[in-house]
PDB file of N, CA and C in Angstrom:
ATOM      1  N   UNK A   1       1.358  19.137  33.942  1.00  0.00           N
ATOM      2  CA  UNK A   1       2.855  19.060  33.141  1.00  0.00           C
ATOM      3  C   UNK A   1       2.924  18.924  32.040  1.00  0.00           C
ATOM      4  N   UNK A   2       3.944  19.028  31.552  1.00  0.00           N
ATOM      5  CA  UNK A   2       4.711  19.169  30.201  1.00  0.00           C
ATOM      6  C   UNK A   2       5.399  18.168  29.607  1.00  0.00           C
ATOM      7  N   UNK A   3       5.095  17.972  28.444  1.00  0.00           N
ATOM      8  CA  UNK A   3       5.815  16.968  28.070  1.00  0.00           C
ATOM      9  C   UNK A   3       6.686  16.964  26.194  1.00  0.00           C
ATOM     10  N   UNK A   4       7.562  17.076  26.641  1.00  0.00           N
ATOM     11  CA  UNK A   4       8.730  17.836  25.566  1.00  0.00           C
ATOM     12  C   UNK A   4       9.793  17.452  26.228  1.00  0.00           C
ATOM     13  N   UNK A   5      11.346  17.471  24.802  1.00  0.00           N
ATOM     14  CA  UNK A   5      12.152  17.380  25.819  1.00  0.00           C
ATOM     15  C   UNK A   5      13.337  18.445  24.961  1.00  0.00           C
ATOM     16  N   UNK A   6      14.269  19.077  26.083  1.00  0.00           N
ATOM     17  CA  UNK A   6      14.633  20.294  25.636  1.00  0.00           C
ATOM     18  C   UNK A   6      16.359  19.404  25.684  1.00  0.00           C
ATOM     19  N   UNK A   7      17.361  20.276  24.973  1.00  0.00           N
ATOM     20  CA  UNK A   7      18.734  20.158  25.033  1.00  0.00           C
ATOM     21  C   UNK A   7      19.089  20.340  26.319  1.00  0.00           C
ATOM     22  N   UNK A   8      19.944  20.002  27.005  1.00  0.00           N
ATOM     23  CA  UNK A   8      21.142  21.535  28.331  1.00  0.00           C
ATOM     24  C   UNK A   8      20.768  22.977  26.920  1.00  0.00           C
ATOM     25  N   UNK A   9      20.978  23.882  28.017  1.00  0.00           N
ATOM     26  CA  UNK A   9      21.720  24.946  27.666  1.00  0.00           C
ATOM     27  C   UNK A   9      22.867  25.236  26.848  1.00  0.00           C
ATOM     28  N   UNK A  10      22.673  25.501  25.067  1.00  0.00           N
ATOM     29  CA  UNK A  10      23.307  26.260  24.324  1.00  0.00           C
ATOM     30  C   UNK A  10      24.512  24.736  23.504  1.00  0.00           C
ATOM     31  N   UNK A  11      23.232  23.809  23.366  1.00  0.00           N
ATOM     32  CA  UNK A  11      24.028  22.902  23.190  1.00  0.00           C
ATOM     33  C   UNK A  11      22.793  22.058  21.989  1.00  0.00           C
ATOM     34  N   UNK A  12      23.579  21.435  20.826  1.00  0.00           N
ATOM     35  CA  UNK A  12      22.740  20.462  20.171  1.00  0.00           C
ATOM     36  C   UNK A  12      22.646  19.076  20.927  1.00  0.00           C
ATOM     37  N   UNK A  13      21.911  18.258  20.405  1.00  0.00           N
ATOM     38  CA  UNK A  13      21.349  16.977  20.864  1.00  0.00           C
ATOM     39  C   UNK A  13      20.491  15.980  20.350  1.00  0.00           C
ATOM     40  N   UNK A  14      20.401  15.031  20.379  1.00  0.00           N
ATOM     41  CA  UNK A  14      19.648  14.133  19.688  1.00  0.00           C
ATOM     42  C   UNK A  14      18.943  13.144  20.238  1.00  0.00           C
ATOM     43  N   UNK A  15      17.491  12.390  19.557  1.00  0.00           N
ATOM     44  CA  UNK A  15      16.725  11.820  20.398  1.00  0.00           C
ATOM     45  C   UNK A  15      17.159  10.677  19.801  1.00  0.00           C
ATOM     46  N   UNK A  16      16.938   9.262  20.421  1.00  0.00           N
ATOM     47  CA  UNK A  16      16.941   8.090  19.775  1.00  0.00           C
ATOM     48  C   UNK A  16      15.980   7.546  20.420  1.00  0.00           C
ATOM     49  N   UNK A  17      15.008   6.773  18.942  1.00  0.00           N
ATOM     50  CA  UNK A  17      14.138   5.995  19.825  1.00  0.00           C
ATOM     51  C   UNK A  17      14.256   4.480  19.151  1.00  0.00           C
ATOM     52  N   UNK A  18      14.205   3.451  19.735  1.00  0.00           N
ATOM     53  CA  UNK A  18      14.413   2.020  19.635  1.00  0.00           C
ATOM     54  C   UNK A  18      12.782   1.510  19.281  1.00  0.00           C
ATOM     55  N   UNK A  19      12.629   0.944  18.355  1.00  0.00           N
ATOM     56  CA  UNK A  19      11.456   0.551  17.715  1.00  0.00           C
ATOM     57  C   UNK A  19      11.188  -0.935  18.770  1.00  0.00           C
ATOM     58  N   UNK A  20      10.024  -1.368  18.872  1.00  0.00           N
ATOM     59  CA  UNK A  20       9.694  -2.587  19.208  1.00  0.00           C
ATOM     60  C   UNK A  20      10.366  -3.878  18.296  1.00  0.00           C
ATOM     61  N   UNK A  21       9.956  -3.530  17.138  1.00  0.00           N
ATOM     62  CA  UNK A  21      10.279  -4.394  16.000  1.00  0.00           C
ATOM     63  C   UNK A  21      10.729  -3.442  14.892  1.00  0.00           C
ATOM     64  N   UNK A  22      11.332  -4.269  13.859  1.00  0.00           N
ATOM     65  CA  UNK A  22      12.086  -3.758  12.818  1.00  0.00           C
ATOM     66  C   UNK A  22      10.578  -3.420  12.280  1.00  0.00           C
ATOM     67  N   UNK A  23      10.379  -2.540  11.007  1.00  0.00           N
ATOM     68  CA  UNK A  23       9.254  -2.238  10.448  1.00  0.00           C
ATOM     69  C   UNK A  23       9.294  -1.689   9.156  1.00  0.00           C
ATOM     70  N   UNK A  24       8.954  -1.060   8.413  1.00  0.00           N
ATOM     71  CA  UNK A  24       9.018  -0.480   6.858  1.00  0.00           C
ATOM     72  C   UNK A  24       8.749   1.011   7.097  1.00  0.00           C
ATOM     73  N   UNK A  25       9.814   2.356   7.659  1.00  0.00           N
ATOM     74  CA  UNK A  25       9.044   3.422   7.812  1.00  0.00           C
ATOM     75  C   UNK A  25       9.093   3.752   6.304  1.00  0.00           C
ATOM     76  N   UNK A  26       7.529   4.553   6.893  1.00  0.00           N
ATOM     77  CA  UNK A  26       6.996   5.211   5.328  1.00  0.00           C
ATOM     78  C   UNK A  26       6.891   6.890   6.064  1.00  0.00           C
ATOM     79  N   UNK A  27       6.894   7.195   6.825  1.00  0.00           N
ATOM     80  CA  UNK A  27       6.383   8.494   6.961  1.00  0.00           C
ATOM     81  C   UNK A  27       6.741   8.635   8.627  1.00  0.00           C
ATOM     82  N   UNK A  28       7.684   9.821   8.985  1.00  0.00           N
ATOM     83  CA  UNK A  28       8.027  10.508   9.727  1.00  0.00           C
ATOM     84  C   UNK A  28       7.409  12.232  10.320  1.00  0.00           C
ATOM     85  N   UNK A  29       7.028  12.416  11.149  1.00  0.00           N
ATOM     86  CA  UNK A  29       6.536  13.679  11.309  1.00  0.00           C
ATOM     87  C   UNK A  29       6.976  14.109  12.725  1.00  0.00           C
ATOM     88  N   UNK A  30       7.179  15.652  12.848  1.00  0.00           N
ATOM     89  CA  UNK A  30       7.467  16.370  14.459  1.00  0.00           C
ATOM     90  C   UNK A  30       6.885  17.397  14.512  1.00  0.00           C
ATOM     91  N   UNK A  31       7.006  17.827  15.692  1.00  0.00           N
ATOM     92  CA  UNK A  31       6.361  19.275  16.160  1.00  0.00           C
ATOM     93  C   UNK A  31       7.637  19.611  17.150  1.00  0.00           C
ATOM     94  N   UNK A  32       7.956  20.828  15.932  1.00  0.00           N
ATOM     95  CA  UNK A  32       9.443  21.405  17.349  1.00  0.00           C
ATOM     96  C   UNK A  32       8.458  21.930  18.142  1.00  0.00           C
ATOM     97  N   UNK A  33       9.617  22.913  19.551  1.00  0.00           N
ATOM     98  CA  UNK A  33       9.158  22.932  20.497  1.00  0.00           C
ATOM     99  C   UNK A  33       9.273  24.314  20.996  1.00  0.00           C
ATOM    100  N   UNK A  34       8.435  25.262  21.611  1.00  0.00           N
ATOM    101  CA  UNK A  34       8.736  26.727  22.283  1.00  0.00           C
ATOM    102  C   UNK A  34       9.429  27.019  23.541  1.00  0.00           C
ATOM    103  N   UNK A  35       8.950  25.640  24.200  1.00  0.00           N
ATOM    104  CA  UNK A  35       9.909  25.716  25.864  1.00  0.00           C
ATOM    105  C   UNK A  35       8.632  26.348  27.110  1.00  0.00           C
ATOM    106  N   UNK A  36       7.228  25.704  26.431  1.00  0.00           N
ATOM    107  CA  UNK A  36       6.157  26.212  27.873  1.00  0.00           C
ATOM    108  C   UNK A  36       6.054  27.604  27.570  1.00  0.00           C
ATOM    109  N   UNK A  37       5.806  28.279  28.438  1.00  0.00           N
ATOM    110  CA  UNK A  37       5.488  29.512  27.872  1.00  0.00           C
ATOM    111  C   UNK A  37       6.506  30.586  27.981  1.00  0.00           C
ATOM    112  N   UNK A  38       7.884  30.115  27.924  1.00  0.00           N
ATOM    113  CA  UNK A  38       9.349  31.101  27.710  1.00  0.00           C
ATOM    114  C   UNK A  38       9.377  31.486  26.135  1.00  0.00           C
ATOM    115  N   UNK A  39       9.335  30.334  25.145  1.00  0.00           N
ATOM    116  CA  UNK A  39       9.872  30.734  23.965  1.00  0.00           C
ATOM    117  C   UNK A  39      10.870  31.175  23.497  1.00  0.00           C
ATOM    118  N   UNK A  40      11.849  30.155  24.173  1.00  0.00           N
ATOM    119  CA  UNK A  40      13.215  30.348  24.078  1.00  0.00           C
ATOM    120  C   UNK A  40      13.869  29.537  23.808  1.00  0.00           C
ATOM    121  N   UNK A  41      13.566  28.296  23.276  1.00  0.00           N
ATOM    122  CA  UNK A  41      13.769  27.353  22.538  1.00  0.00           C
ATOM    123  C   UNK A  41      13.423  26.466  21.676  1.00  0.00           C
ATOM    124  N   UNK A  42      14.385  25.784  20.412  1.00  0.00           N
ATOM    125  CA  UNK A  42      13.711  25.112  19.426  1.00  0.00           C
ATOM    126  C   UNK A  42      14.782  25.028  18.479  1.00  0.00           C
ATOM    127  N   UNK A  43      14.288  23.438  17.723  1.00  0.00           N
ATOM    128  CA  UNK A  43      15.594  23.438  16.743  1.00  0.00           C
ATOM    129  C   UNK A  43      15.884  24.334  16.105  1.00  0.00           C
ATOM    130  N   UNK A  44      16.781  24.616  14.972  1.00  0.00           N
ATOM    131  CA  UNK A  44      16.912  25.485  14.262  1.00  0.00           C
ATOM    132  C   UNK A  44      17.261  24.804  12.734  1.00  0.00           C
ATOM    133  N   UNK A  45      18.257  23.231  12.704  1.00  0.00           N
ATOM    134  CA  UNK A  45      18.508  23.017  11.812  1.00  0.00           C
ATOM    135  C   UNK A  45      18.063  21.115  12.606  1.00  0.00           C
ATOM    136  N   UNK A  46      18.181  20.086  11.864  1.00  0.00           N
ATOM    137  CA  UNK A  46      17.960  19.044  11.610  1.00  0.00           C
ATOM    138  C   UNK A  46      18.221  18.425  11.284  1.00  0.00           C
ATOM    139  N   UNK A  47      18.712  16.875  11.278  1.00  0.00           N
ATOM    140  CA  UNK A  47      18.426  16.048  10.900  1.00  0.00           C
ATOM    141  C   UNK A  47      17.461  14.346  11.272  1.00  0.00           C
ATOM    142  N   UNK A  48      17.068  13.979  10.509  1.00  0.00           N
ATOM    143  CA  UNK A  48      16.374  12.537  10.799  1.00  0.00           C
ATOM    144  C   UNK A  48      17.619  11.401   9.993  1.00  0.00           C
ATOM    145  N   UNK A  49      17.754  10.350  11.103  1.00  0.00           N
ATOM    146  CA  UNK A  49      18.699   9.483  10.384  1.00  0.00           C
ATOM    147  C   UNK A  49      17.880   8.220  10.914  1.00  0.00           C
ATOM    148  N   UNK A  50      17.754   6.900  10.442  1.00  0.00           N
ATOM    149  CA  UNK A  50      17.126   5.453  10.536  1.00  0.00           C
ATOM    150  C   UNK A  50      18.332   4.339  10.609  1.00  0.00           C
ATOM    151  N   UNK A  51      18.457   3.281  11.800  1.00  0.00           N
ATOM    152  CA  UNK A  51      19.420   2.444  11.080  1.00  0.00           C
ATOM    153  C   UNK A  51      18.753   1.091  11.567  1.00  0.00           C
ATOM    154  N   UNK A  52      18.940   0.020  10.583  1.00  0.00           N
ATOM    155  CA  UNK A  52      17.968  -1.364  10.943  1.00  0.00           C
ATOM    156  C   UNK A  52      18.637  -2.444  12.144  1.00  0.00           C
ATOM    157  N   UNK A  53      19.640  -1.749  12.527  1.00  0.00           N
ATOM    158  CA  UNK A  53      20.230  -2.500  14.390  1.00  0.00           C
ATOM    159  C   UNK A  53      20.830  -1.231  15.141  1.00  0.00           C
ATOM    160  N   UNK A  54      20.665   0.210  14.877  1.00  0.00           N
ATOM    161  CA  UNK A  54      21.083   0.914  16.063  1.00  0.00           C
ATOM    162  C   UNK A  54      22.369   0.943  16.243  1.00  0.00           C
ATOM    163  N   UNK A  55      23.629   0.553  15.154  1.00  0.00           N
ATOM    164  CA  UNK A  55      24.541   0.993  15.131  1.00  0.00           C
ATOM    165  C   UNK A  55      25.072   2.366  15.274  1.00  0.00           C
ATOM    166  N   UNK A  56      24.775   3.117  13.585  1.00  0.00           N
ATOM    167  CA  UNK A  56      25.417   4.123  13.553  1.00  0.00           C
ATOM    168  C   UNK A  56      26.508   3.972  12.957  1.00  0.00           C
ATOM    169  N   UNK A  57      26.838   2.595  12.220  1.00  0.00           N
ATOM    170  CA  UNK A  57      28.070   2.998  12.012  1.00  0.00           C
ATOM    171  C   UNK A  57      28.662   3.053  10.934  1.00  0.00           C
ATOM    172  N   UNK A  58      27.790   3.020  10.026  1.00  0.00           N
ATOM    173  CA  UNK A  58      28.273   3.405   8.573  1.00  0.00           C
ATOM    174  C   UNK A  58      26.379   2.652   7.408  1.00  0.00           C
ATOM    175  N   UNK A  59      25.773   1.774   8.532  1.00  0.00           N
ATOM    176  CA  UNK A  59      24.566   1.390   7.955  1.00  0.00           C
ATOM    177  C   UNK A  59      23.294   2.278   8.089  1.00  0.00           C
ATOM    178  N   UNK A  60      23.466   3.135   8.562  1.00  0.00           N
ATOM    179  CA  UNK A  60      22.349   4.213   8.516  1.00  0.00           C
ATOM    180  C   UNK A  60      22.067   5.002   7.368  1.00  0.00           C
ATOM    181  N   UNK A  61      20.846   5.161   7.563  1.00  0.00           N
ATOM    182  CA  UNK A  61      20.263   5.839   6.140  1.00  0.00           C
ATOM    183  C   UNK A  61      19.509   7.375   6.323  1.00  0.00           C
ATOM    184  N   UNK A  62      20.239   8.875   5.750  1.00  0.00           N
ATOM    185  CA  UNK A  62      19.700   9.789   6.216  1.00  0.00           C
ATOM    186  C   UNK A  62      17.898  10.050   5.733  1.00  0.00           C
ATOM    187  N   UNK A  63      17.206  10.436   6.491  1.00  0.00           N
ATOM    188  CA  UNK A  63      16.011  10.330   5.801  1.00  0.00           C
ATOM    189  C   UNK A  63      15.725  11.466   5.424  1.00  0.00           C
ATOM    190  N   UNK A  64      16.073  12.657   5.541  1.00  0.00           N
ATOM    191  CA  UNK A  64      15.141  13.973   5.761  1.00  0.00           C
ATOM    192  C   UNK A  64      16.588  14.942   6.672  1.00  0.00           C
ATOM    193  N   UNK A  65      16.797  16.701   5.966  1.00  0.00           N
ATOM    194  CA  UNK A  65      17.264  17.278   7.133  1.00  0.00           C
ATOM    195  C   UNK A  65      16.191  18.410   6.959  1.00  0.00           C
ATOM    196  N   UNK A  66      16.570  19.926   7.620  1.00  0.00           N
ATOM    197  CA  UNK A  66      15.834  20.583   7.533  1.00  0.00           C
ATOM    198  C   UNK A  66      15.904  21.669   8.408  1.00  0.00           C
ATOM    199  N   UNK A  67      15.007  22.983   8.391  1.00  0.00           N
ATOM    200  CA  UNK A  67      15.296  24.250   9.323  1.00  0.00           C
ATOM    201  C   UNK A  67      14.071  24.107  10.107  1.00  0.00           C
ATOM    202  N   UNK A  68      13.956  24.907  11.137  1.00  0.00           N
ATOM    203  CA  UNK A  68      12.589  25.372  11.707  1.00  0.00           C
ATOM    204  C   UNK A  68      12.991  26.183  12.501  1.00  0.00           C
ATOM    205  N   UNK A  69      11.871  26.535  13.539  1.00  0.00           N
ATOM    206  CA  UNK A  69      11.832  27.808  14.305  1.00  0.00           C
ATOM    207  C   UNK A  69      10.925  27.451  15.051  1.00  0.00           C
ATOM    208  N   UNK A  70      10.878  28.462  16.109  1.00  0.00           N
ATOM    209  CA  UNK A  70      10.488  28.214  17.155  1.00  0.00           C
ATOM    210  C   UNK A  70       8.779  28.184  17.210  1.00  0.00           C
ATOM    211  N   UNK A  71       8.115  27.409  17.652  1.00  0.00           N
ATOM    212  CA  UNK A  71       6.985  26.787  17.439  1.00  0.00           C
ATOM    213  C   UNK A  71       5.763  28.064  18.134  1.00  0.00           C
ATOM    214  N   UNK A  72       5.238  28.690  16.868  1.00  0.00           N
ATOM    215  CA  UNK A  72       3.914  29.209  17.960  1.00  0.00           C
ATOM    216  C   UNK A  72       2.870  28.882  17.049  1.00  0.00           C
ATOM    217  N   UNK A  73       2.443  27.831  16.191  1.00  0.00           N
ATOM    218  CA  UNK A  73       0.995  27.356  15.957  1.00  0.00           C
ATOM    219  C   UNK A  73       1.214  25.975  15.684  1.00  0.00           C
ATOM    220  N   UNK A  74       1.542  25.474  16.302  1.00  0.00           N
ATOM    221  CA  UNK A  74       1.012  23.760  16.311  1.00  0.00           C
ATOM    222  C   UNK A  74       1.447  23.207  15.034  1.00  0.00           C
ATOM    223  N   UNK A  75       2.563  23.755  14.240  1.00  0.00           N
ATOM    224  CA  UNK A  75       2.863  22.857  12.787  1.00  0.00           C
ATOM    225  C   UNK A  75       3.400  21.943  12.739  1.00  0.00           C
ATOM    226  N   UNK A  76       3.299  20.559  12.417  1.00  0.00           N
ATOM    227  CA  UNK A  76       3.615  19.568  12.158  1.00  0.00           C
ATOM    228  C   UNK A  76       4.688  19.268  10.648  1.00  0.00           C
ATOM    229  N   UNK A  77       6.227  19.150  10.689  1.00  0.00           N
ATOM    230  CA  UNK A  77       6.477  18.637  10.007  1.00  0.00           C
ATOM    231  C   UNK A  77       6.379  17.603   9.123  1.00  0.00           C
ATOM    232  N   UNK A  78       5.999  17.019   7.974  1.00  0.00           N
ATOM    233  CA  UNK A  78       5.799  15.708   7.722  1.00  0.00           C
ATOM    234  C   UNK A  78       7.246  15.213   6.625  1.00  0.00           C
ATOM    235  N   UNK A  79       7.774  14.019   6.452  1.00  0.00           N
ATOM    236  CA  UNK A  79       8.074  13.826   5.299  1.00  0.00           C
ATOM    237  C   UNK A  79       8.023  12.031   5.264  1.00  0.00           C
ATOM    238  N   UNK A  80       7.228  11.885   4.014  1.00  0.00           N
ATOM    239  CA  UNK A  80       6.860  10.756   3.257  1.00  0.00           C
ATOM    240  C   UNK A  80       7.857  10.498   2.653  1.00  0.00           C
ATOM    241  N   UNK A  81       8.476   8.889   2.473  1.00  0.00           N
ATOM    242  CA  UNK A  81       9.091   8.175   2.289  1.00  0.00           C
ATOM    243  C   UNK A  81       8.863   8.126   0.525  1.00  0.00           C
ATOM    244  N   UNK A  82       9.373   8.305  -0.267  1.00  0.00           N
ATOM    245  CA  UNK A  82       9.044   7.444  -1.323  1.00  0.00           C
ATOM    246  C   UNK A  82       8.875   6.065  -1.307  1.00  0.00           C
ATOM    247  N   UNK A  83       9.925   5.216  -1.121  1.00  0.00           N
ATOM    248  CA  UNK A  83      10.195   4.127  -0.667  1.00  0.00           C
ATOM    249  C   UNK A  83      10.254   3.647   1.019  1.00  0.00           C
ATOM    250  N   UNK A  84       9.819   2.758   1.314  1.00  0.00           N
ATOM    251  CA  UNK A  84       9.761   2.248   2.975  1.00  0.00           C
ATOM    252  C   UNK A  84      11.167   2.066   3.592  1.00  0.00           C
ATOM    253  N   UNK A  85      11.822   2.175   4.479  1.00  0.00           N
ATOM    254  CA  UNK A  85      13.016   1.996   4.630  1.00  0.00           C
ATOM    255  C   UNK A  85      13.042   1.032   6.181  1.00  0.00           C
ATOM    256  N   UNK A  86      13.770   0.023   5.996  1.00  0.00           N
ATOM    257  CA  UNK A  86      13.532  -0.974   7.250  1.00  0.00           C
ATOM    258  C   UNK A  86      14.336  -0.470   8.651  1.00  0.00           C
ATOM    259  N   UNK A  87      13.926   0.029   9.578  1.00  0.00           N
ATOM    260  CA  UNK A  87      13.814   0.129  10.487  1.00  0.00           C
ATOM    261  C   UNK A  87      13.529  -0.118  11.747  1.00  0.00           C
ATOM    262  N   UNK A  88      14.798   0.013  12.443  1.00  0.00           N
ATOM    263  CA  UNK A  88      15.012  -0.547  13.811  1.00  0.00           C
ATOM    264  C   UNK A  88      15.004   0.601  15.028  1.00  0.00           C
ATOM    265  N   UNK A  89      15.786   1.427  14.518  1.00  0.00           N
ATOM    266  CA  UNK A  89      15.814   2.780  15.463  1.00  0.00           C
ATOM    267  C   UNK A  89      15.995   3.639  14.782  1.00  0.00           C
ATOM    268  N   UNK A  90      15.319   5.219  14.645  1.00  0.00           N
ATOM    269  CA  UNK A  90      15.404   6.870  14.563  1.00  0.00           C
ATOM    270  C   UNK A  90      16.248   7.214  15.603  1.00  0.00           C
ATOM    271  N   UNK A  91      16.746   7.938  14.623  1.00  0.00           N
ATOM    272  CA  UNK A  91      17.738   9.426  15.303  1.00  0.00           C
ATOM    273  C   UNK A  91      16.998  10.586  15.129  1.00  0.00           C
ATOM    274  N   UNK A  92      16.974  11.440  15.862  1.00  0.00           N
ATOM    275  CA  UNK A  92      16.442  13.099  15.406  1.00  0.00           C
ATOM    276  C   UNK A  92      17.824  13.777  15.944  1.00  0.00           C
ATOM    277  N   UNK A  93      18.210  14.510  14.907  1.00  0.00           N
ATOM    278  CA  UNK A  93      19.603  14.518  15.433  1.00  0.00           C
ATOM    279  C   UNK A  93      19.130  16.552  14.946  1.00  0.00           C
ATOM    280  N   UNK A  94      19.935  17.178  16.467  1.00  0.00           N
ATOM    281  CA  UNK A  94      19.785  19.106  16.309  1.00  0.00           C
ATOM    282  C   UNK A  94      20.801  18.992  16.497  1.00  0.00           C
ATOM    283  N   UNK A  95      20.590  19.816  14.817  1.00  0.00           N
ATOM    284  CA  UNK A  95      22.308  20.028  14.516  1.00  0.00           C
ATOM    285  C   UNK A  95      22.487  21.916  14.830  1.00  0.00           C
ATOM    286  N   UNK A  96      21.719  22.636  15.333  1.00  0.00           N
ATOM    287  CA  UNK A  96      21.822  24.258  15.252  1.00  0.00           C
ATOM    288  C   UNK A  96      20.368  24.383  15.950  1.00  0.00           C
ATOM    289  N   UNK A  97      20.451  24.940  16.620  1.00  0.00           N
ATOM    290  CA  UNK A  97      18.822  25.717  18.001  1.00  0.00           C
ATOM    291  C   UNK A  97      19.184  27.248  17.667  1.00  0.00           C
ATOM    292  N   UNK A  98      17.655  27.361  18.244  1.00  0.00           N
ATOM    293  CA  UNK A  98      17.060  29.030  18.168  1.00  0.00           C
ATOM    294  C   UNK A  98      17.184  29.257  20.090  1.00  0.00           C
ATOM    295  N   UNK A  99      17.618  30.253  20.361  1.00  0.00           N
ATOM    296  CA  UNK A  99      17.309  30.294  21.746  1.00  0.00           C
ATOM    297  C   UNK A  99      18.656  29.571  22.872  1.00  0.00           C
ATOM    298  N   UNK A 100      18.055  29.327  23.578  1.00  0.00           N
ATOM    299  CA  UNK A 100      18.827  28.846  24.805  1.00  0.00           C
ATOM    300  C   UNK A 100      19.603  27.447  24.542  1.00  0.00           C
ATOM    301  N   UNK A 101      19.076  26.884  23.560  1.00  0.00           N
ATOM    302  CA  UNK A 101      18.744  24.948  23.268  1.00  0.00           C
ATOM    303  C   UNK A 101      17.841  24.616  22.239  1.00  0.00           C
ATOM    304  N   UNK A 102      17.995  23.238  21.907  1.00  0.00           N
ATOM    305  CA  UNK A 102      16.666  22.733  21.250  1.00  0.00           C
ATOM    306  C   UNK A 102      15.831  22.229  22.120  1.00  0.00           C
ATOM    307  N   UNK A 103      15.458  21.912  21.231  1.00  0.00           N
ATOM    308  CA  UNK A 103      13.947  20.932  22.140  1.00  0.00           C
ATOM    309  C   UNK A 103      13.246  20.781  20.988  1.00  0.00           C
ATOM    310  N   UNK A 104      12.036  19.479  21.449  1.00  0.00           N
ATOM    311  CA  UNK A 104      11.448  18.739  20.568  1.00  0.00           C
ATOM    312  C   UNK A 104       9.730  18.054  20.993  1.00  0.00           C
ATOM    313  N   UNK A 105       8.797  18.593  20.486  1.00  0.00           N
ATOM    314  CA  UNK A 105       7.566  18.387  21.248  1.00  0.00           C
ATOM    315  C   UNK A 105       6.974  17.330  21.122  1.00  0.00           C
ATOM    316  N   UNK A 106       7.308  16.643  19.867  1.00  0.00           N
ATOM    317  CA  UNK A 106       6.877  15.436  19.737  1.00  0.00           C
ATOM    318  C   UNK A 106       7.060  14.494  18.298  1.00  0.00           C
ATOM    319  N   UNK A 107       7.356  13.496  18.410  1.00  0.00           N
ATOM    320  CA  UNK A 107       7.679  12.174  16.806  1.00  0.00           C
ATOM    321  C   UNK A 107       7.146  11.857  16.929  1.00  0.00           C
ATOM    322  N   UNK A 108       6.606  11.125  15.355  1.00  0.00           N
ATOM    323  CA  UNK A 108       5.923  10.326  15.705  1.00  0.00           C
ATOM    324  C   UNK A 108       6.150   9.691  14.182  1.00  0.00           C
ATOM    325  N   UNK A 109       6.201   7.604  13.935  1.00  0.00           N
ATOM    326  CA  UNK A 109       6.538   6.945  12.796  1.00  0.00           C
ATOM    327  C   UNK A 109       5.285   6.668  12.187  1.00  0.00           C
ATOM    328  N   UNK A 110       5.350   6.151  11.320  1.00  0.00           N
ATOM    329  CA  UNK A 110       4.059   5.321  10.496  1.00  0.00           C
ATOM    330  C   UNK A 110       5.363   4.612   9.560  1.00  0.00           C
ATOM    331  N   UNK A 111       4.386   3.122   9.203  1.00  0.00           N
ATOM    332  CA  UNK A 111       5.017   2.129   8.125  1.00  0.00           C
ATOM    333  C   UNK A 111       4.307   1.294   8.249  1.00  0.00           C
ATOM    334  N   UNK A 112       4.773   0.511   7.462  1.00  0.00           N
ATOM    335  CA  UNK A 112       4.536  -0.788   7.342  1.00  0.00           C
ATOM    336  C   UNK A 112       5.081  -2.140   7.961  1.00  0.00           C
ATOM    337  N   UNK A 113       5.246  -3.167   7.952  1.00  0.00           N
ATOM    338  CA  UNK A 113       5.138  -3.816   8.557  1.00  0.00           C
ATOM    339  C   UNK A 113       5.793  -5.228   7.608  1.00  0.00           C
TER     340      UNK A 113
END
């Protein structure tokens, strides 16, 4: 079976991860998708947000934003923060997509407690 997340057809979307405990986020890395053997979906533009409480009502911090394309090599995108940010919830927002919709293969968080 495959392990990835896809947006509904022709839509953007978000993945939101609530962590067990708050911690100092120091690095985030993620892998774009290609939708199994179809190679027809990926994020084209993304933003990563963090929140100490998950409300996303003004307290959130934009960690990074960028562009992507349909993944064909398994290349990770890694962003290392200059200073760790206290985090409880991480949101990966797909702002644009390639093909029939967006998606994400994997996302990882690294930090200090």
